[in-house]
Amino acid sequence: MSARSADAGTALTVALVKEGRVKIRYPAEQVADDGDRITVRAPWAAPGARDFGFVRFEPGDVLTEHYWRDRWYAVKEVRTGAGELKGWYCDVTRPAVLREGELLVEDLDLDLWVSADGASVLRLDEDEFEESGLAGRDAPAAEAALRALDELEHLARTGGLTALLT
């Protein structure tokens, strides 16, 4: 399906929801929407820098974020303000919902980091996922989340992640 060019440049708000409450809300510009995948571009939205140990997000960084209506993850390409690729931060989420100019994304705690050179692929926050109790509250969602993390890791290790985003 081709991108809906009429939607490109539209201002949206991304709302990341966790455990029923909005964790962060930030403005973004829609780049494309092909009916399945919505791509937005946004500056690093958190105040100040955040050092994760394996990557540092800083004011001026630009994220090109890919969300799917039919997949249980989002992939965020992270670049410096000068355009240098830092890598990809992948969130395991429920499928995204676009409603009235707001892109709603429910974070399910599991994450994956892929360095720019692809040499480093890190599974993140598996302990938080276990502690969340999702498996007890919604076993099918927990199973979908774990499958999504495995799929992302497989894509990252086989070079399929960049192909997914083109």
N, C-alpha and C. Protein backbone atom coordinates (compact mmCIF):
# COMPACT_ATOMS: atom_id res chain seq x y z
N MET A 1 0.84 -1.17 0.00
CA MET A 1 0.00 0.00 0.00
C MET A 1 0.89 1.24 0.00
N SER A 2 0.59 2.22 -0.78
CA SER A 2 1.43 3.41 -0.84
C SER A 2 1.10 4.39 0.27
N ALA A 3 2.06 5.22 0.61
CA ALA A 3 1.88 6.20 1.67
C ALA A 3 0.83 7.21 1.25
N ARG A 4 0.06 7.66 2.20
CA ARG A 4 -0.92 8.70 1.97
C ARG A 4 -0.21 10.04 2.07
N SER A 5 0.17 10.58 0.95
CA SER A 5 0.98 11.81 0.97
C SER A 5 0.22 12.99 1.54
N ALA A 6 -1.11 12.97 1.47
CA ALA A 6 -1.88 14.09 2.01
C ALA A 6 -1.70 14.22 3.51
N ASP A 7 -1.35 13.12 4.18
CA ASP A 7 -1.17 13.14 5.63
C ASP A 7 0.23 13.60 6.05
N ALA A 8 1.19 13.57 5.13
CA ALA A 8 2.56 13.96 5.47
C ALA A 8 2.58 15.42 5.91
N GLY A 9 3.33 15.68 6.96
CA GLY A 9 3.43 17.03 7.49
C GLY A 9 2.37 17.39 8.50
N THR A 10 1.39 16.52 8.71
CA THR A 10 0.34 16.77 9.68
C THR A 10 0.90 16.71 11.10
N ALA A 11 0.53 17.66 11.91
CA ALA A 11 0.95 17.65 13.32
C ALA A 11 0.10 16.64 14.08
N LEU A 12 0.76 15.80 14.86
CA LEU A 12 0.10 14.81 15.71
C LEU A 12 0.64 14.93 17.12
N THR A 13 -0.06 14.32 18.04
CA THR A 13 0.45 14.15 19.39
C THR A 13 0.62 12.66 19.62
N VAL A 14 1.79 12.26 20.10
CA VAL A 14 2.02 10.87 20.46
C VAL A 14 1.80 10.75 21.97
N ALA A 15 0.96 9.81 22.37
CA ALA A 15 0.69 9.57 23.78
C ALA A 15 1.11 8.15 24.11
N LEU A 16 2.14 8.02 24.94
CA LEU A 16 2.62 6.72 25.38
C LEU A 16 1.94 6.40 26.70
N VAL A 17 1.15 5.34 26.69
CA VAL A 17 0.35 4.95 27.84
C VAL A 17 0.98 3.73 28.49
N LYS A 18 1.01 3.73 29.81
CA LYS A 18 1.53 2.59 30.56
C LYS A 18 0.63 2.38 31.77
N GLU A 19 0.13 1.16 31.90
CA GLU A 19 -0.74 0.78 33.01
C GLU A 19 -1.91 1.75 33.16
N GLY A 20 -2.51 2.12 32.03
CA GLY A 20 -3.72 2.92 32.05
C GLY A 20 -3.54 4.42 32.19
N ARG A 21 -2.30 4.90 32.32
CA ARG A 21 -2.10 6.34 32.44
C ARG A 21 -1.09 6.80 31.39
N VAL A 22 -1.20 8.06 31.01
CA VAL A 22 -0.28 8.61 30.03
C VAL A 22 1.08 8.82 30.69
N LYS A 23 2.09 8.16 30.16
CA LYS A 23 3.46 8.25 30.68
C LYS A 23 4.14 9.50 30.13
N ILE A 24 3.94 9.75 28.83
CA ILE A 24 4.50 10.94 28.19
C ILE A 24 3.64 11.26 26.97
N ARG A 25 3.50 12.54 26.71
CA ARG A 25 2.76 13.02 25.53
C ARG A 25 3.65 14.07 24.87
N TYR A 26 3.83 13.97 23.54
CA TYR A 26 4.71 14.91 22.87
C TYR A 26 4.25 15.14 21.42
N PRO A 27 4.61 16.32 20.88
CA PRO A 27 4.23 16.63 19.50
C PRO A 27 5.14 15.92 18.51
N ALA A 28 4.57 15.58 17.37
CA ALA A 28 5.32 14.93 16.30
C ALA A 28 4.73 15.38 14.97
N GLU A 29 5.52 15.20 13.92
CA GLU A 29 5.06 15.49 12.57
C GLU A 29 4.89 14.18 11.83
N GLN A 30 3.72 13.97 11.26
CA GLN A 30 3.49 12.75 10.50
C GLN A 30 4.31 12.78 9.22
N VAL A 31 5.03 11.70 8.97
CA VAL A 31 5.84 11.56 7.76
C VAL A 31 5.07 10.75 6.72
N ALA A 32 4.39 9.68 7.16
CA ALA A 32 3.64 8.82 6.24
C ALA A 32 2.64 7.98 7.03
N ASP A 33 1.64 7.51 6.30
CA ASP A 33 0.66 6.57 6.86
C ASP A 33 0.17 5.73 5.69
N ASP A 34 0.54 4.46 5.68
CA ASP A 34 0.15 3.59 4.57
C ASP A 34 -1.07 2.73 4.91
N GLY A 35 -1.72 3.05 6.02
CA GLY A 35 -2.87 2.27 6.45
C GLY A 35 -2.53 1.23 7.49
N ASP A 36 -1.29 0.72 7.45
CA ASP A 36 -0.80 -0.24 8.45
C ASP A 36 0.23 0.41 9.36
N ARG A 37 1.18 1.13 8.74
CA ARG A 37 2.26 1.76 9.50
C ARG A 37 2.12 3.28 9.44
N ILE A 38 2.27 3.88 10.60
CA ILE A 38 2.28 5.34 10.71
C ILE A 38 3.70 5.73 11.11
N THR A 39 4.30 6.65 10.36
CA THR A 39 5.65 7.11 10.66
C THR A 39 5.58 8.59 11.02
N VAL A 40 6.21 8.93 12.15
CA VAL A 40 6.26 10.31 12.61
C VAL A 40 7.71 10.69 12.90
N ARG A 41 7.96 11.98 12.94
CA ARG A 41 9.28 12.49 13.32
C ARG A 41 9.07 13.45 14.48
N ALA A 42 9.95 13.31 15.48
CA ALA A 42 9.82 14.15 16.67
C ALA A 42 11.19 14.38 17.29
N PRO A 43 11.37 15.54 17.89
CA PRO A 43 12.59 15.75 18.66
C PRO A 43 12.53 14.94 19.95
N TRP A 44 13.69 14.66 20.54
CA TRP A 44 13.75 14.01 21.85
C TRP A 44 12.85 14.81 22.78
N ALA A 45 11.87 14.16 23.40
CA ALA A 45 10.80 14.86 24.10
C ALA A 45 11.03 15.02 25.60
N ALA A 46 11.87 14.22 26.19
CA ALA A 46 12.06 14.31 27.63
C ALA A 46 12.94 15.52 27.96
N PRO A 47 12.74 16.11 29.12
CA PRO A 47 13.60 17.24 29.49
C PRO A 47 15.02 16.76 29.78
N GLY A 48 16.00 17.44 29.22
CA GLY A 48 17.40 17.09 29.46
C GLY A 48 17.81 15.81 28.77
N ALA A 49 19.02 15.38 29.08
CA ALA A 49 19.59 14.17 28.50
C ALA A 49 19.22 12.96 29.35
N ARG A 50 19.26 11.79 28.73
CA ARG A 50 19.04 10.55 29.47
C ARG A 50 20.07 9.54 28.99
N ASP A 51 20.92 9.12 29.92
CA ASP A 51 21.99 8.18 29.60
C ASP A 51 21.55 6.78 30.03
N PHE A 52 21.41 5.90 29.06
CA PHE A 52 21.00 4.52 29.33
C PHE A 52 22.19 3.60 29.54
N GLY A 53 23.39 4.13 29.36
CA GLY A 53 24.59 3.30 29.46
C GLY A 53 25.06 2.82 28.11
N PHE A 54 24.13 2.39 27.27
CA PHE A 54 24.46 1.91 25.94
C PHE A 54 24.21 2.98 24.88
N VAL A 55 23.44 4.02 25.22
CA VAL A 55 23.18 5.16 24.34
C VAL A 55 22.74 6.32 25.23
N ARG A 56 23.02 7.52 24.74
CA ARG A 56 22.60 8.73 25.45
C ARG A 56 21.67 9.52 24.54
N PHE A 57 20.44 9.73 25.01
CA PHE A 57 19.48 10.58 24.29
C PHE A 57 19.66 11.98 24.83
N GLU A 58 19.69 12.95 23.90
CA GLU A 58 19.98 14.33 24.29
C GLU A 58 19.06 15.30 23.56
N PRO A 59 18.85 16.48 24.16
CA PRO A 59 18.12 17.51 23.43
C PRO A 59 18.80 17.74 22.08
N GLY A 60 18.01 17.88 21.04
CA GLY A 60 18.53 18.01 19.68
C GLY A 60 18.47 16.71 18.91
N ASP A 61 18.41 15.56 19.60
CA ASP A 61 18.25 14.28 18.90
C ASP A 61 16.88 14.27 18.20
N VAL A 62 16.84 13.57 17.08
CA VAL A 62 15.60 13.46 16.30
C VAL A 62 15.26 11.99 16.16
N LEU A 63 14.02 11.66 16.44
CA LEU A 63 13.56 10.28 16.33
C LEU A 63 12.56 10.18 15.19
N THR A 64 12.79 9.22 14.32
CA THR A 64 11.81 8.85 13.31
C THR A 64 11.18 7.58 13.84
N GLU A 65 9.90 7.67 14.17
CA GLU A 65 9.21 6.62 14.89
C GLU A 65 8.20 5.91 13.98
N HIS A 66 8.26 4.59 13.99
CA HIS A 66 7.39 3.77 13.15
C HIS A 66 6.46 2.98 14.06
N TYR A 67 5.17 3.18 13.86
CA TYR A 67 4.14 2.50 14.64
C TYR A 67 3.24 1.71 13.70
N TRP A 68 2.78 0.56 14.15
CA TRP A 68 1.92 -0.28 13.32
C TRP A 68 0.57 -0.45 13.99
N ARG A 69 -0.45 -0.51 13.16
CA ARG A 69 -1.81 -0.77 13.64
C ARG A 69 -2.05 -2.27 13.83
N ASP A 70 -1.15 -3.10 13.28
CA ASP A 70 -1.36 -4.55 13.31
C ASP A 70 -0.17 -5.32 13.89
N ARG A 71 0.78 -4.62 14.48
CA ARG A 71 1.94 -5.29 15.09
C ARG A 71 2.09 -4.82 16.54
N TRP A 72 2.75 -5.64 17.31
CA TRP A 72 2.89 -5.39 18.74
C TRP A 72 4.22 -4.73 19.06
N TYR A 73 4.65 -3.79 18.24
CA TYR A 73 5.89 -3.06 18.52
C TYR A 73 5.94 -1.77 17.75
N ALA A 74 6.89 -0.93 18.18
CA ALA A 74 7.23 0.32 17.51
C ALA A 74 8.74 0.38 17.41
N VAL A 75 9.24 0.97 16.32
CA VAL A 75 10.68 1.09 16.12
C VAL A 75 11.01 2.56 15.93
N LYS A 76 11.96 3.03 16.73
CA LYS A 76 12.35 4.44 16.71
C LYS A 76 13.81 4.56 16.28
N GLU A 77 14.02 5.18 15.12
CA GLU A 77 15.37 5.45 14.65
C GLU A 77 15.85 6.72 15.34
N VAL A 78 16.99 6.64 15.99
CA VAL A 78 17.51 7.76 16.78
C VAL A 78 18.73 8.36 16.10
N ARG A 79 18.66 9.66 15.83
CA ARG A 79 19.77 10.38 15.21
C ARG A 79 20.10 11.63 16.02
N THR A 80 21.35 12.04 15.93
CA THR A 80 21.74 13.32 16.53
C THR A 80 21.11 14.44 15.70
N GLY A 81 21.13 15.64 16.23
CA GLY A 81 20.63 16.78 15.48
C GLY A 81 21.39 16.99 14.18
N ALA A 82 22.64 16.53 14.12
CA ALA A 82 23.46 16.65 12.91
C ALA A 82 23.19 15.50 11.92
N GLY A 83 22.34 14.56 12.30
CA GLY A 83 21.96 13.48 11.40
C GLY A 83 22.71 12.17 11.58
N GLU A 84 23.63 12.09 12.54
CA GLU A 84 24.38 10.85 12.76
C GLU A 84 23.49 9.81 13.43
N LEU A 85 23.45 8.62 12.85
CA LEU A 85 22.63 7.54 13.38
C LEU A 85 23.22 7.01 14.68
N LYS A 86 22.40 6.97 15.74
CA LYS A 86 22.82 6.37 17.01
C LYS A 86 22.38 4.91 17.06
N GLY A 87 21.19 4.63 16.54
CA GLY A 87 20.66 3.27 16.55
C GLY A 87 19.15 3.27 16.55
N TRP A 88 18.58 2.13 16.94
CA TRP A 88 17.14 1.95 16.96
C TRP A 88 16.70 1.50 18.34
N TYR A 89 15.72 2.21 18.88
CA TYR A 89 15.11 1.83 20.14
C TYR A 89 13.75 1.25 19.79
N CYS A 90 13.54 0.00 20.16
CA CYS A 90 12.31 -0.70 19.81
C CYS A 90 11.49 -0.93 21.07
N ASP A 91 10.23 -0.52 21.02
CA ASP A 91 9.31 -0.71 22.13
C ASP A 91 8.31 -1.81 21.78
N VAL A 92 8.08 -2.72 22.72
CA VAL A 92 6.99 -3.68 22.56
C VAL A 92 5.75 -2.98 23.08
N THR A 93 4.73 -2.91 22.22
CA THR A 93 3.51 -2.17 22.52
C THR A 93 2.30 -2.94 21.96
N ARG A 94 1.15 -2.54 22.39
CA ARG A 94 -0.05 -3.00 21.69
C ARG A 94 -0.09 -2.26 20.35
N PRO A 95 -0.82 -2.77 19.37
CA PRO A 95 -0.94 -2.03 18.12
C PRO A 95 -1.40 -0.59 18.36
N ALA A 96 -0.84 0.33 17.58
CA ALA A 96 -1.12 1.76 17.74
C ALA A 96 -2.52 2.11 17.23
N VAL A 97 -3.08 3.15 17.83
CA VAL A 97 -4.39 3.66 17.44
C VAL A 97 -4.25 5.15 17.17
N LEU A 98 -4.66 5.58 15.99
CA LEU A 98 -4.67 7.00 15.64
C LEU A 98 -6.11 7.48 15.73
N ARG A 99 -6.33 8.46 16.62
CA ARG A 99 -7.68 8.96 16.84
C ARG A 99 -7.63 10.47 17.07
N GLU A 100 -8.29 11.21 16.21
CA GLU A 100 -8.45 12.66 16.37
C GLU A 100 -7.12 13.37 16.61
N GLY A 101 -6.13 13.06 15.78
CA GLY A 101 -4.83 13.75 15.85
C GLY A 101 -3.93 13.27 16.96
N GLU A 102 -4.31 12.19 17.65
CA GLU A 102 -3.47 11.63 18.71
C GLU A 102 -3.16 10.18 18.39
N LEU A 103 -1.87 9.85 18.45
CA LEU A 103 -1.41 8.49 18.24
C LEU A 103 -1.24 7.86 19.62
N LEU A 104 -2.11 6.91 19.95
CA LEU A 104 -2.10 6.25 21.26
C LEU A 104 -1.32 4.94 21.16
N VAL A 105 -0.35 4.79 22.07
CA VAL A 105 0.52 3.62 22.05
C VAL A 105 0.65 3.12 23.49
N GLU A 106 0.27 1.86 23.72
CA GLU A 106 0.37 1.28 25.06
C GLU A 106 1.67 0.50 25.20
N ASP A 107 2.55 1.00 26.06
CA ASP A 107 3.85 0.40 26.33
C ASP A 107 3.68 -0.85 27.18
N LEU A 108 4.32 -1.95 26.76
CA LEU A 108 4.23 -3.21 27.50
C LEU A 108 5.55 -3.59 28.17
N ASP A 109 6.40 -2.62 28.43
CA ASP A 109 7.62 -2.75 29.21
C ASP A 109 8.82 -3.34 28.49
N LEU A 110 8.63 -4.26 27.58
CA LEU A 110 9.76 -4.89 26.91
C LEU A 110 10.33 -3.96 25.84
N ASP A 111 11.67 -3.91 25.75
CA ASP A 111 12.34 -3.05 24.78
C ASP A 111 13.54 -3.78 24.19
N LEU A 112 14.01 -3.25 23.06
CA LEU A 112 15.20 -3.77 22.40
C LEU A 112 15.99 -2.58 21.88
N TRP A 113 17.30 -2.59 22.11
CA TRP A 113 18.18 -1.57 21.55
C TRP A 113 19.07 -2.23 20.51
N VAL A 114 19.22 -1.54 19.36
CA VAL A 114 20.11 -1.99 18.29
C VAL A 114 21.03 -0.84 17.96
N SER A 115 22.33 -1.05 18.12
CA SER A 115 23.30 0.01 17.83
C SER A 115 23.34 0.30 16.33
N ALA A 116 23.86 1.46 15.99
CA ALA A 116 23.90 1.91 14.59
C ALA A 116 24.63 0.92 13.69
N ASP A 117 25.67 0.29 14.21
CA ASP A 117 26.43 -0.67 13.40
C ASP A 117 25.84 -2.09 13.45
N GLY A 118 24.78 -2.26 14.25
CA GLY A 118 24.13 -3.56 14.37
C GLY A 118 24.88 -4.57 15.22
N ALA A 119 26.04 -4.19 15.73
CA ALA A 119 26.85 -5.13 16.51
C ALA A 119 26.28 -5.38 17.90
N SER A 120 25.54 -4.43 18.42
CA SER A 120 24.98 -4.57 19.77
C SER A 120 23.46 -4.65 19.68
N VAL A 121 22.91 -5.76 20.16
CA VAL A 121 21.46 -5.97 20.22
C VAL A 121 21.15 -6.35 21.66
N LEU A 122 20.43 -5.48 22.35
CA LEU A 122 20.19 -5.68 23.78
C LEU A 122 18.70 -5.80 24.08
N ARG A 123 18.32 -6.89 24.73
CA ARG A 123 16.95 -7.03 25.24
C ARG A 123 16.90 -6.27 26.56
N LEU A 124 15.87 -5.47 26.74
CA LEU A 124 15.78 -4.60 27.91
C LEU A 124 14.47 -4.81 28.66
N ASP A 125 14.52 -4.57 29.95
CA ASP A 125 13.35 -4.45 30.82
C ASP A 125 12.52 -5.73 30.96
N GLU A 126 13.15 -6.87 30.75
CA GLU A 126 12.41 -8.12 30.93
C GLU A 126 11.96 -8.30 32.37
N ASP A 127 12.74 -7.78 33.32
CA ASP A 127 12.35 -7.84 34.73
C ASP A 127 11.11 -6.98 34.99
N GLU A 128 11.05 -5.79 34.40
CA GLU A 128 9.87 -4.94 34.54
C GLU A 128 8.63 -5.60 33.96
N PHE A 129 8.81 -6.28 32.84
CA PHE A 129 7.70 -6.99 32.20
C PHE A 129 7.16 -8.07 33.15
N GLU A 130 8.06 -8.85 33.74
CA GLU A 130 7.63 -9.88 34.69
C GLU A 130 6.89 -9.28 35.87
N GLU A 131 7.43 -8.18 36.40
CA GLU A 131 6.84 -7.52 37.57
C GLU A 131 5.51 -6.85 37.26
N SER A 132 5.27 -6.55 35.99
CA SER A 132 4.03 -5.86 35.61
C SER A 132 2.79 -6.71 35.85
N GLY A 133 2.95 -8.04 35.85
CA GLY A 133 1.82 -8.93 36.07
C GLY A 133 0.92 -9.11 34.85
N LEU A 134 1.38 -8.63 33.68
CA LEU A 134 0.56 -8.74 32.48
C LEU A 134 0.20 -10.20 32.19
N ALA A 135 1.12 -11.12 32.41
CA ALA A 135 0.86 -12.54 32.12
C ALA A 135 -0.35 -13.05 32.91
N GLY A 136 -0.53 -12.57 34.13
CA GLY A 136 -1.67 -12.98 34.94
C GLY A 136 -2.96 -12.26 34.57
N ARG A 137 -2.83 -11.00 34.17
CA ARG A 137 -4.02 -10.18 33.83
C ARG A 137 -4.52 -10.43 32.42
N ASP A 138 -3.58 -10.64 31.50
CA ASP A 138 -3.94 -10.75 30.08
C ASP A 138 -2.90 -11.65 29.39
N ALA A 139 -3.06 -12.96 29.60
CA ALA A 139 -2.08 -13.92 29.07
C ALA A 139 -1.90 -13.82 27.57
N PRO A 140 -2.95 -13.66 26.76
CA PRO A 140 -2.73 -13.53 25.31
C PRO A 140 -1.88 -12.29 24.96
N ALA A 141 -2.08 -11.18 25.65
CA ALA A 141 -1.27 -9.98 25.38
C ALA A 141 0.17 -10.21 25.78
N ALA A 142 0.40 -10.89 26.92
CA ALA A 142 1.77 -11.17 27.36
C ALA A 142 2.47 -12.07 26.35
N GLU A 143 1.76 -13.06 25.83
CA GLU A 143 2.35 -13.95 24.82
C GLU A 143 2.67 -13.18 23.54
N ALA A 144 1.77 -12.30 23.13
CA ALA A 144 2.00 -11.48 21.93
C ALA A 144 3.21 -10.57 22.14
N ALA A 145 3.36 -10.02 23.33
CA ALA A 145 4.49 -9.14 23.65
C ALA A 145 5.81 -9.90 23.55
N LEU A 146 5.85 -11.08 24.12
CA LEU A 146 7.09 -11.88 24.07
C LEU A 146 7.43 -12.30 22.64
N ARG A 147 6.40 -12.66 21.86
CA ARG A 147 6.63 -12.99 20.44
C ARG A 147 7.16 -11.77 19.69
N ALA A 148 6.63 -10.59 20.01
CA ALA A 148 7.07 -9.35 19.35
C ALA A 148 8.54 -9.07 19.66
N LEU A 149 8.94 -9.25 20.91
CA LEU A 149 10.35 -9.04 21.28
C LEU A 149 11.25 -10.03 20.55
N ASP A 150 10.84 -11.28 20.48
CA ASP A 150 11.62 -12.28 19.75
C ASP A 150 11.73 -11.92 18.27
N GLU A 151 10.62 -11.45 17.68
CA GLU A 151 10.63 -11.06 16.27
C GLU A 151 11.57 -9.88 16.04
N LEU A 152 11.50 -8.87 16.90
CA LEU A 152 12.39 -7.72 16.78
C LEU A 152 13.86 -8.14 16.88
N GLU A 153 14.15 -9.00 17.85
CA GLU A 153 15.54 -9.45 18.00
C GLU A 153 15.99 -10.21 16.75
N HIS A 154 15.13 -11.07 16.23
CA HIS A 154 15.48 -11.81 15.02
C HIS A 154 15.73 -10.85 13.85
N LEU A 155 14.86 -9.87 13.67
CA LEU A 155 15.04 -8.89 12.60
C LEU A 155 16.36 -8.14 12.77
N ALA A 156 16.67 -7.75 14.01
CA ALA A 156 17.89 -7.01 14.27
C ALA A 156 19.14 -7.83 13.97
N ARG A 157 19.12 -9.09 14.34
CA ARG A 157 20.30 -9.95 14.16
C ARG A 157 20.49 -10.45 12.72
N THR A 158 19.42 -10.38 11.92
CA THR A 158 19.52 -10.86 10.55
C THR A 158 19.53 -9.74 9.52
N GLY A 159 19.54 -8.48 9.97
CA GLY A 159 19.53 -7.36 9.05
C GLY A 159 18.16 -6.99 8.54
N GLY A 160 17.14 -7.61 9.05
CA GLY A 160 15.78 -7.35 8.59
C GLY A 160 15.14 -6.11 9.15
N LEU A 161 15.73 -5.54 10.21
CA LEU A 161 15.13 -4.36 10.83
C LEU A 161 15.13 -3.18 9.86
N THR A 162 16.25 -2.92 9.22
CA THR A 162 16.31 -1.79 8.29
C THR A 162 15.40 -2.03 7.08
N ALA A 163 15.29 -3.27 6.63
CA ALA A 163 14.38 -3.58 5.52
C ALA A 163 12.93 -3.34 5.91
N LEU A 164 12.59 -3.63 7.16
CA LEU A 164 11.24 -3.40 7.66
C LEU A 164 10.85 -1.93 7.58
N LEU A 165 11.82 -1.05 7.75
CA LEU A 165 11.53 0.38 7.83
C LEU A 165 11.56 1.09 6.48
N THR A 166 11.93 0.39 5.43
CA THR A 166 11.99 1.04 4.12
C THR A 166 10.72 0.84 3.34
